[in-house]
């Protein structure tokens, strides 16, 4: 899974092969969550509430960039890095 951002021990990435609803993955301490881009909510997996809050805060700030990367992933093109949450 190509990594597009990393902050506070959270790794954000997108797969090239997965299709369906636009989404991204967040990994933290061996746990993984899948978040929809359209409505910014956890749709699969389990993460600590604090981590979910940080991921959603970051995603809200970078929704347009996430959608751009989704289109790149569908086209099997290199993804762009997105700045971390500070």
PDB file of N, CA and C in Angstrom:
ATOM      1  N   UNK A   1       0.853  -1.179   0.000  1.00  0.00           N
ATOM      2  CA  UNK A   1       0.000   0.000   0.000  1.00  0.00           C
ATOM      3  C   UNK A   1       0.890   1.230   0.000  1.00  0.00           C
ATOM      4  N   UNK A   2       0.782   2.061  -1.006  1.00  0.00           N
ATOM      5  CA  UNK A   2       1.574   3.299  -1.029  1.00  0.00           C
ATOM      6  C   UNK A   2       1.187   4.241   0.116  1.00  0.00           C
ATOM      7  N   UNK A   3       2.204   4.704   0.818  1.00  0.00           N
ATOM      8  CA  UNK A   3       2.012   5.639   1.922  1.00  0.00           C
ATOM      9  C   UNK A   3       1.896   7.050   1.362  1.00  0.00           C
ATOM     10  N   UNK A   4       0.880   7.796   1.830  1.00  0.00           N
ATOM     11  CA  UNK A   4       0.724   9.177   1.359  1.00  0.00           C
ATOM     12  C   UNK A   4       0.925  10.194   2.478  1.00  0.00           C
ATOM     13  N   UNK A   5       0.878   9.734   3.739  1.00  0.00           N
ATOM     14  CA  UNK A   5       1.137  10.636   4.859  1.00  0.00           C
ATOM     15  C   UNK A   5       1.448   9.818   6.103  1.00  0.00           C
ATOM     16  N   UNK A   6       2.107  10.486   7.063  1.00  0.00           N
ATOM     17  CA  UNK A   6       2.448   9.840   8.343  1.00  0.00           C
ATOM     18  C   UNK A   6       2.504  10.925   9.407  1.00  0.00           C
ATOM     19  N   UNK A   7       1.823  10.677  10.517  1.00  0.00           N
ATOM     20  CA  UNK A   7       1.847  11.626  11.636  1.00  0.00           C
ATOM     21  C   UNK A   7       1.439  10.910  12.921  1.00  0.00           C
ATOM     22  N   UNK A   8       2.081  11.272  14.017  1.00  0.00           N
ATOM     23  CA  UNK A   8       1.773  10.742  15.350  1.00  0.00           C
ATOM     24  C   UNK A   8       1.694   9.211  15.380  1.00  0.00           C
ATOM     25  N   UNK A   9       2.538   8.552  14.600  1.00  0.00           N
ATOM     26  CA  UNK A   9       2.538   7.089  14.556  1.00  0.00           C
ATOM     27  C   UNK A   9       1.461   6.485  13.676  1.00  0.00           C
ATOM     28  N   UNK A  10       0.707   7.322  12.992  1.00  0.00           N
ATOM     29  CA  UNK A  10      -0.373   6.879  12.101  1.00  0.00           C
ATOM     30  C   UNK A  10       0.142   6.923  10.667  1.00  0.00           C
ATOM     31  N   UNK A  11      -0.056   5.837   9.924  1.00  0.00           N
ATOM     32  CA  UNK A  11       0.359   5.779   8.528  1.00  0.00           C
ATOM     33  C   UNK A  11      -0.909   5.768   7.671  1.00  0.00           C
ATOM     34  N   UNK A  12      -0.967   6.690   6.710  1.00  0.00           N
ATOM     35  CA  UNK A  12      -2.108   6.806   5.809  1.00  0.00           C
ATOM     36  C   UNK A  12      -1.682   6.309   4.436  1.00  0.00           C
ATOM     37  N   UNK A  13      -2.522   5.486   3.818  1.00  0.00           N
ATOM     38  CA  UNK A  13      -2.190   4.972   2.493  1.00  0.00           C
ATOM     39  C   UNK A  13      -3.424   4.673   1.670  1.00  0.00           C
ATOM     40  N   UNK A  14      -3.176   4.377   0.395  1.00  0.00           N
ATOM     41  CA  UNK A  14      -4.229   3.983  -0.537  1.00  0.00           C
ATOM     42  C   UNK A  14      -3.716   2.827  -1.372  1.00  0.00           C
ATOM     43  N   UNK A  15      -4.622   1.907  -1.676  1.00  0.00           N
ATOM     44  CA  UNK A  15      -4.291   0.786  -2.543  1.00  0.00           C
ATOM     45  C   UNK A  15      -4.641   1.127  -3.985  1.00  0.00           C
ATOM     46  N   UNK A  16      -3.857   0.590  -4.900  1.00  0.00           N
ATOM     47  CA  UNK A  16      -4.156   0.758  -6.320  1.00  0.00           C
ATOM     48  C   UNK A  16      -5.229  -0.227  -6.788  1.00  0.00           C
ATOM     49  N   UNK A  17      -5.306  -1.389  -6.202  1.00  0.00           N
ATOM     50  CA  UNK A  17      -6.168  -2.444  -6.717  1.00  0.00           C
ATOM     51  C   UNK A  17      -7.602  -2.367  -6.210  1.00  0.00           C
ATOM     52  N   UNK A  18      -7.825  -1.757  -5.064  1.00  0.00           N
ATOM     53  CA  UNK A  18      -9.182  -1.706  -4.516  1.00  0.00           C
ATOM     54  C   UNK A  18     -10.014  -0.665  -5.265  1.00  0.00           C
ATOM     55  N   UNK A  19     -11.266  -1.016  -5.472  1.00  0.00           N
ATOM     56  CA  UNK A  19     -12.186  -0.092  -6.135  1.00  0.00           C
ATOM     57  C   UNK A  19     -13.396   0.098  -5.235  1.00  0.00           C
ATOM     58  N   UNK A  20     -14.431   0.677  -5.782  1.00  0.00           N
ATOM     59  CA  UNK A  20     -15.621   0.929  -4.980  1.00  0.00           C
ATOM     60  C   UNK A  20     -15.632   2.360  -4.498  1.00  0.00           C
ATOM     61  N   UNK A  21     -16.172   2.560  -3.324  1.00  0.00           N
ATOM     62  CA  UNK A  21     -16.304   3.898  -2.759  1.00  0.00           C
ATOM     63  C   UNK A  21     -14.906   4.481  -2.508  1.00  0.00           C
ATOM     64  N   UNK A  22     -14.690   5.762  -2.826  1.00  0.00           N
ATOM     65  CA  UNK A  22     -13.381   6.376  -2.550  1.00  0.00           C
ATOM     66  C   UNK A  22     -13.049   6.304  -1.061  1.00  0.00           C
ATOM     67  N   UNK A  23     -11.874   5.767  -0.743  1.00  0.00           N
ATOM     68  CA  UNK A  23     -11.499   5.565   0.644  1.00  0.00           C
ATOM     69  C   UNK A  23      -9.981   5.557   0.803  1.00  0.00           C
ATOM     70  N   UNK A  24      -9.543   5.614   2.053  1.00  0.00           N
ATOM     71  CA  UNK A  24      -8.129   5.491   2.370  1.00  0.00           C
ATOM     72  C   UNK A  24      -7.994   4.639   3.629  1.00  0.00           C
ATOM     73  N   UNK A  25      -6.777   4.182   3.881  1.00  0.00           N
ATOM     74  CA  UNK A  25      -6.495   3.312   5.014  1.00  0.00           C
ATOM     75  C   UNK A  25      -5.618   4.047   6.013  1.00  0.00           C
ATOM     76  N   UNK A  26      -5.861   3.794   7.285  1.00  0.00           N
ATOM     77  CA  UNK A  26      -5.025   4.332   8.358  1.00  0.00           C
ATOM     78  C   UNK A  26      -4.558   3.158   9.209  1.00  0.00           C
ATOM     79  N   UNK A  27      -3.242   3.107   9.458  1.00  0.00           N
ATOM     80  CA  UNK A  27      -2.674   2.055  10.294  1.00  0.00           C
ATOM     81  C   UNK A  27      -2.050   2.682  11.526  1.00  0.00           C
ATOM     82  N   UNK A  28      -2.282   2.033  12.671  1.00  0.00           N
ATOM     83  CA  UNK A  28      -1.725   2.515  13.926  1.00  0.00           C
ATOM     84  C   UNK A  28      -1.580   1.336  14.878  1.00  0.00           C
ATOM     85  N   UNK A  29      -0.381   1.123  15.374  1.00  0.00           N
ATOM     86  CA  UNK A  29      -0.107   0.091  16.391  1.00  0.00           C
ATOM     87  C   UNK A  29      -0.697  -1.270  16.030  1.00  0.00           C
ATOM     88  N   UNK A  30      -0.526  -1.668  14.779  1.00  0.00           N
ATOM     89  CA  UNK A  30      -0.995  -2.978  14.350  1.00  0.00           C
ATOM     90  C   UNK A  30      -2.472  -3.051  14.019  1.00  0.00           C
ATOM     91  N   UNK A  31      -3.186  -1.956  14.134  1.00  0.00           N
ATOM     92  CA  UNK A  31      -4.607  -1.915  13.798  1.00  0.00           C
ATOM     93  C   UNK A  31      -4.796  -1.108  12.520  1.00  0.00           C
ATOM     94  N   UNK A  32      -5.854  -1.439  11.783  1.00  0.00           N
ATOM     95  CA  UNK A  32      -6.130  -0.742  10.529  1.00  0.00           C
ATOM     96  C   UNK A  32      -7.583  -0.312  10.476  1.00  0.00           C
ATOM     97  N   UNK A  33      -7.796   0.880   9.927  1.00  0.00           N
ATOM     98  CA  UNK A  33      -9.143   1.377   9.692  1.00  0.00           C
ATOM     99  C   UNK A  33      -9.254   1.873   8.263  1.00  0.00           C
ATOM    100  N   UNK A  34     -10.434   1.744   7.704  1.00  0.00           N
ATOM    101  CA  UNK A  34     -10.719   2.243   6.359  1.00  0.00           C
ATOM    102  C   UNK A  34     -11.727   3.373   6.506  1.00  0.00           C
ATOM    103  N   UNK A  35     -11.415   4.506   5.870  1.00  0.00           N
ATOM    104  CA  UNK A  35     -12.250   5.701   5.980  1.00  0.00           C
ATOM    105  C   UNK A  35     -12.774   6.104   4.616  1.00  0.00           C
ATOM    106  N   UNK A  36     -14.060   6.408   4.531  1.00  0.00           N
ATOM    107  CA  UNK A  36     -14.609   6.938   3.283  1.00  0.00           C
ATOM    108  C   UNK A  36     -14.184   8.390   3.148  1.00  0.00           C
ATOM    109  N   UNK A  37     -13.920   8.798   1.930  1.00  0.00           N
ATOM    110  CA  UNK A  37     -13.514  10.183   1.681  1.00  0.00           C
ATOM    111  C   UNK A  37     -14.737  11.085   1.587  1.00  0.00           C
ATOM    112  N   UNK A  38     -15.805  10.598   1.005  1.00  0.00           N
ATOM    113  CA  UNK A  38     -16.993  11.429   0.780  1.00  0.00           C
ATOM    114  C   UNK A  38     -17.609  11.945   2.068  1.00  0.00           C
ATOM    115  N   UNK A  39     -17.796  11.053   3.042  1.00  0.00           N
ATOM    116  CA  UNK A  39     -18.452  11.501   4.267  1.00  0.00           C
ATOM    117  C   UNK A  39     -17.544  11.438   5.491  1.00  0.00           C
ATOM    118  N   UNK A  40     -16.275  11.160   5.275  1.00  0.00           N
ATOM    119  CA  UNK A  40     -15.266  11.150   6.336  1.00  0.00           C
ATOM    120  C   UNK A  40     -15.732  10.398   7.578  1.00  0.00           C
ATOM    121  N   UNK A  41     -15.891   9.093   7.404  1.00  0.00           N
ATOM    122  CA  UNK A  41     -16.218   8.250   8.546  1.00  0.00           C
ATOM    123  C   UNK A  41     -15.519   6.914   8.403  1.00  0.00           C
ATOM    124  N   UNK A  42     -15.309   6.260   9.535  1.00  0.00           N
ATOM    125  CA  UNK A  42     -14.707   4.940   9.569  1.00  0.00           C
ATOM    126  C   UNK A  42     -15.720   3.938   9.034  1.00  0.00           C
ATOM    127  N   UNK A  43     -15.357   3.210   7.979  1.00  0.00           N
ATOM    128  CA  UNK A  43     -16.296   2.256   7.377  1.00  0.00           C
ATOM    129  C   UNK A  43     -15.880   0.802   7.594  1.00  0.00           C
ATOM    130  N   UNK A  44     -14.655   0.607   8.077  1.00  0.00           N
ATOM    131  CA  UNK A  44     -14.184  -0.761   8.312  1.00  0.00           C
ATOM    132  C   UNK A  44     -12.996  -0.719   9.268  1.00  0.00           C
ATOM    133  N   UNK A  45     -12.874  -1.717  10.105  1.00  0.00           N
ATOM    134  CA  UNK A  45     -11.729  -1.811  10.985  1.00  0.00           C
ATOM    135  C   UNK A  45     -11.985  -1.238  12.363  1.00  0.00           C
ATOM    136  N   UNK A  46     -10.900  -1.208  13.141  1.00  0.00           N
ATOM    137  CA  UNK A  46     -10.998  -0.758  14.520  1.00  0.00           C
ATOM    138  C   UNK A  46      -9.729  -0.004  14.886  1.00  0.00           C
ATOM    139  N   UNK A  47      -9.896   1.202  15.352  1.00  0.00           N
ATOM    140  CA  UNK A  47      -8.788   2.040  15.813  1.00  0.00           C
ATOM    141  C   UNK A  47      -9.205   2.733  17.105  1.00  0.00           C
ATOM    142  N   UNK A  48      -8.243   3.122  17.933  1.00  0.00           N
ATOM    143  CA  UNK A  48      -8.593   3.880  19.141  1.00  0.00           C
ATOM    144  C   UNK A  48      -9.319   5.187  18.775  1.00  0.00           C
ATOM    145  N   UNK A  49     -10.248   5.611  19.628  1.00  0.00           N
ATOM    146  CA  UNK A  49     -11.039   6.817  19.354  1.00  0.00           C
ATOM    147  C   UNK A  49     -10.157   8.044  19.111  1.00  0.00           C
ATOM    148  N   UNK A  50      -9.090   8.174  19.878  1.00  0.00           N
ATOM    149  CA  UNK A  50      -8.179   9.320  19.702  1.00  0.00           C
ATOM    150  C   UNK A  50      -7.561   9.304  18.311  1.00  0.00           C
ATOM    151  N   UNK A  51      -7.189   8.131  17.825  1.00  0.00           N
ATOM    152  CA  UNK A  51      -6.591   7.999  16.491  1.00  0.00           C
ATOM    153  C   UNK A  51      -7.631   8.325  15.423  1.00  0.00           C
ATOM    154  N   UNK A  52      -8.845   7.838  15.598  1.00  0.00           N
ATOM    155  CA  UNK A  52      -9.914   8.158  14.642  1.00  0.00           C
ATOM    156  C   UNK A  52     -10.103   9.664  14.559  1.00  0.00           C
ATOM    157  N   UNK A  53     -10.115  10.340  15.700  1.00  0.00           N
ATOM    158  CA  UNK A  53     -10.263  11.795  15.718  1.00  0.00           C
ATOM    159  C   UNK A  53      -9.138  12.498  14.978  1.00  0.00           C
ATOM    160  N   UNK A  54      -7.909  12.060  15.177  1.00  0.00           N
ATOM    161  CA  UNK A  54      -6.772  12.671  14.481  1.00  0.00           C
ATOM    162  C   UNK A  54      -6.847  12.434  12.980  1.00  0.00           C
ATOM    163  N   UNK A  55      -7.196  11.212  12.594  1.00  0.00           N
ATOM    164  CA  UNK A  55      -7.306  10.892  11.165  1.00  0.00           C
ATOM    165  C   UNK A  55      -8.393  11.738  10.519  1.00  0.00           C
ATOM    166  N   UNK A  56      -9.529  11.862  11.178  1.00  0.00           N
ATOM    167  CA  UNK A  56     -10.621  12.652  10.608  1.00  0.00           C
ATOM    168  C   UNK A  56     -10.269  14.137  10.537  1.00  0.00           C
ATOM    169  N   UNK A  57      -9.587  14.643  11.541  1.00  0.00           N
ATOM    170  CA  UNK A  57      -9.134  16.041  11.497  1.00  0.00           C
ATOM    171  C   UNK A  57      -8.221  16.261  10.301  1.00  0.00           C
ATOM    172  N   UNK A  58      -7.267  15.355  10.096  1.00  0.00           N
ATOM    173  CA  UNK A  58      -6.342  15.441   8.973  1.00  0.00           C
ATOM    174  C   UNK A  58      -7.096  15.331   7.639  1.00  0.00           C
ATOM    175  N   UNK A  59      -7.997  14.359   7.548  1.00  0.00           N
ATOM    176  CA  UNK A  59      -8.729  14.125   6.298  1.00  0.00           C
ATOM    177  C   UNK A  59      -9.613  15.313   5.934  1.00  0.00           C
ATOM    178  N   UNK A  60     -10.218  15.949   6.922  1.00  0.00           N
ATOM    179  CA  UNK A  60     -11.052  17.116   6.653  1.00  0.00           C
ATOM    180  C   UNK A  60     -10.226  18.217   5.995  1.00  0.00           C
ATOM    181  N   UNK A  61      -8.995  18.403   6.465  1.00  0.00           N
ATOM    182  CA  UNK A  61      -8.110  19.421   5.905  1.00  0.00           C
ATOM    183  C   UNK A  61      -7.618  19.076   4.506  1.00  0.00           C
ATOM    184  N   UNK A  62      -7.620  17.793   4.156  1.00  0.00           N
ATOM    185  CA  UNK A  62      -7.004  17.357   2.902  1.00  0.00           C
ATOM    186  C   UNK A  62      -7.946  16.542   2.014  1.00  0.00           C
ATOM    187  N   UNK A  63      -9.232  16.770   2.136  1.00  0.00           N
ATOM    188  CA  UNK A  63     -10.206  15.977   1.364  1.00  0.00           C
ATOM    189  C   UNK A  63      -9.971  16.087  -0.138  1.00  0.00           C
ATOM    190  N   UNK A  64      -9.717  17.277  -0.652  1.00  0.00           N
ATOM    191  CA  UNK A  64      -9.504  17.445  -2.096  1.00  0.00           C
ATOM    192  C   UNK A  64      -8.271  16.662  -2.557  1.00  0.00           C
ATOM    193  N   UNK A  65      -7.213  16.700  -1.756  1.00  0.00           N
ATOM    194  CA  UNK A  65      -5.998  15.960  -2.111  1.00  0.00           C
ATOM    195  C   UNK A  65      -6.239  14.452  -2.061  1.00  0.00           C
ATOM    196  N   UNK A  66      -7.046  14.006  -1.117  1.00  0.00           N
ATOM    197  CA  UNK A  66      -7.397  12.591  -1.046  1.00  0.00           C
ATOM    198  C   UNK A  66      -8.168  12.159  -2.291  1.00  0.00           C
ATOM    199  N   UNK A  67      -9.108  12.975  -2.726  1.00  0.00           N
ATOM    200  CA  UNK A  67      -9.860  12.659  -3.942  1.00  0.00           C
ATOM    201  C   UNK A  67      -8.955  12.653  -5.169  1.00  0.00           C
ATOM    202  N   UNK A  68      -8.019  13.596  -5.235  1.00  0.00           N
ATOM    203  CA  UNK A  68      -7.050  13.603  -6.341  1.00  0.00           C
ATOM    204  C   UNK A  68      -6.237  12.313  -6.345  1.00  0.00           C
ATOM    205  N   UNK A  69      -5.780  11.890  -5.171  1.00  0.00           N
ATOM    206  CA  UNK A  69      -5.014  10.648  -5.076  1.00  0.00           C
ATOM    207  C   UNK A  69      -5.865   9.439  -5.436  1.00  0.00           C
ATOM    208  N   UNK A  70      -7.138   9.463  -5.088  1.00  0.00           N
ATOM    209  CA  UNK A  70      -8.034   8.363  -5.451  1.00  0.00           C
ATOM    210  C   UNK A  70      -8.079   8.204  -6.973  1.00  0.00           C
ATOM    211  N   UNK A  71      -8.189   9.316  -7.668  1.00  0.00           N
ATOM    212  CA  UNK A  71      -8.208   9.258  -9.139  1.00  0.00           C
ATOM    213  C   UNK A  71      -6.876   8.748  -9.682  1.00  0.00           C
ATOM    214  N   UNK A  72      -5.768   9.175  -9.084  1.00  0.00           N
ATOM    215  CA  UNK A  72      -4.452   8.678  -9.499  1.00  0.00           C
ATOM    216  C   UNK A  72      -4.349   7.169  -9.256  1.00  0.00           C
ATOM    217  N   UNK A  73      -4.832   6.708  -8.115  1.00  0.00           N
ATOM    218  CA  UNK A  73      -4.773   5.280  -7.796  1.00  0.00           C
ATOM    219  C   UNK A  73      -5.593   4.465  -8.791  1.00  0.00           C
ATOM    220  N   UNK A  74      -6.772   4.953  -9.137  1.00  0.00           N
ATOM    221  CA  UNK A  74      -7.603   4.244 -10.120  1.00  0.00           C
ATOM    222  C   UNK A  74      -6.898   4.157 -11.464  1.00  0.00           C
ATOM    223  N   UNK A  75      -6.129   5.193 -11.804  1.00  0.00           N
ATOM    224  CA  UNK A  75      -5.390   5.218 -13.073  1.00  0.00           C
ATOM    225  C   UNK A  75      -4.033   4.529 -12.952  1.00  0.00           C
ATOM    226  N   UNK A  76      -3.748   3.970 -11.763  1.00  0.00           N
ATOM    227  CA  UNK A  76      -2.477   3.286 -11.491  1.00  0.00           C
ATOM    228  C   UNK A  76      -1.274   4.201 -11.731  1.00  0.00           C
ATOM    229  N   UNK A  77      -1.439   5.457 -11.303  1.00  0.00           N
ATOM    230  CA  UNK A  77      -0.358   6.446 -11.399  1.00  0.00           C
ATOM    231  C   UNK A  77       0.197   6.697  -9.997  1.00  0.00           C
ATOM    232  N   UNK A  78       1.423   7.188  -9.904  1.00  0.00           N
ATOM    233  CA  UNK A  78       2.011   7.463  -8.580  1.00  0.00           C
ATOM    234  C   UNK A  78       1.164   8.452  -7.788  1.00  0.00           C
ATOM    235  N   UNK A  79       1.038   8.171  -6.495  1.00  0.00           N
ATOM    236  CA  UNK A  79       0.265   9.033  -5.611  1.00  0.00           C
ATOM    237  C   UNK A  79       1.123  10.178  -5.100  1.00  0.00           C
ATOM    238  N   UNK A  80       0.458  11.263  -4.751  1.00  0.00           N
ATOM    239  CA  UNK A  80       1.138  12.445  -4.218  1.00  0.00           C
ATOM    240  C   UNK A  80       1.128  12.395  -2.691  1.00  0.00           C
ATOM    241  N   UNK A  81       2.245  12.785  -2.081  1.00  0.00           N
ATOM    242  CA  UNK A  81       2.299  12.894  -0.629  1.00  0.00           C
ATOM    243  C   UNK A  81       1.376  14.020  -0.167  1.00  0.00           C
ATOM    244  N   UNK A  82       0.783  13.826   0.998  1.00  0.00           N
ATOM    245  CA  UNK A  82      -0.081  14.841   1.597  1.00  0.00           C
ATOM    246  C   UNK A  82       0.566  15.242   2.931  1.00  0.00           C
ATOM    247  N   UNK A  83       0.641  16.533   3.209  1.00  0.00           N
ATOM    248  CA  UNK A  83       1.295  16.963   4.458  1.00  0.00           C
ATOM    249  C   UNK A  83       0.651  16.330   5.683  1.00  0.00           C
ATOM    250  N   UNK A  84       1.451  16.066   6.701  1.00  0.00           N
ATOM    251  CA  UNK A  84       0.914  15.462   7.928  1.00  0.00           C
ATOM    252  C   UNK A  84       0.135  16.468   8.769  1.00  0.00           C
ATOM    253  N   UNK A  85      -0.576  15.937   9.730  1.00  0.00           N
ATOM    254  CA  UNK A  85      -1.254  16.758  10.727  1.00  0.00           C
ATOM    255  C   UNK A  85      -0.186  17.300  11.658  1.00  0.00           C
ATOM    256  N   UNK A  86      -0.268  18.582  11.959  1.00  0.00           N
ATOM    257  CA  UNK A  86       0.744  19.186  12.839  1.00  0.00           C
ATOM    258  C   UNK A  86       0.147  19.581  14.162  1.00  0.00           C
TER     259      UNK A  86
END
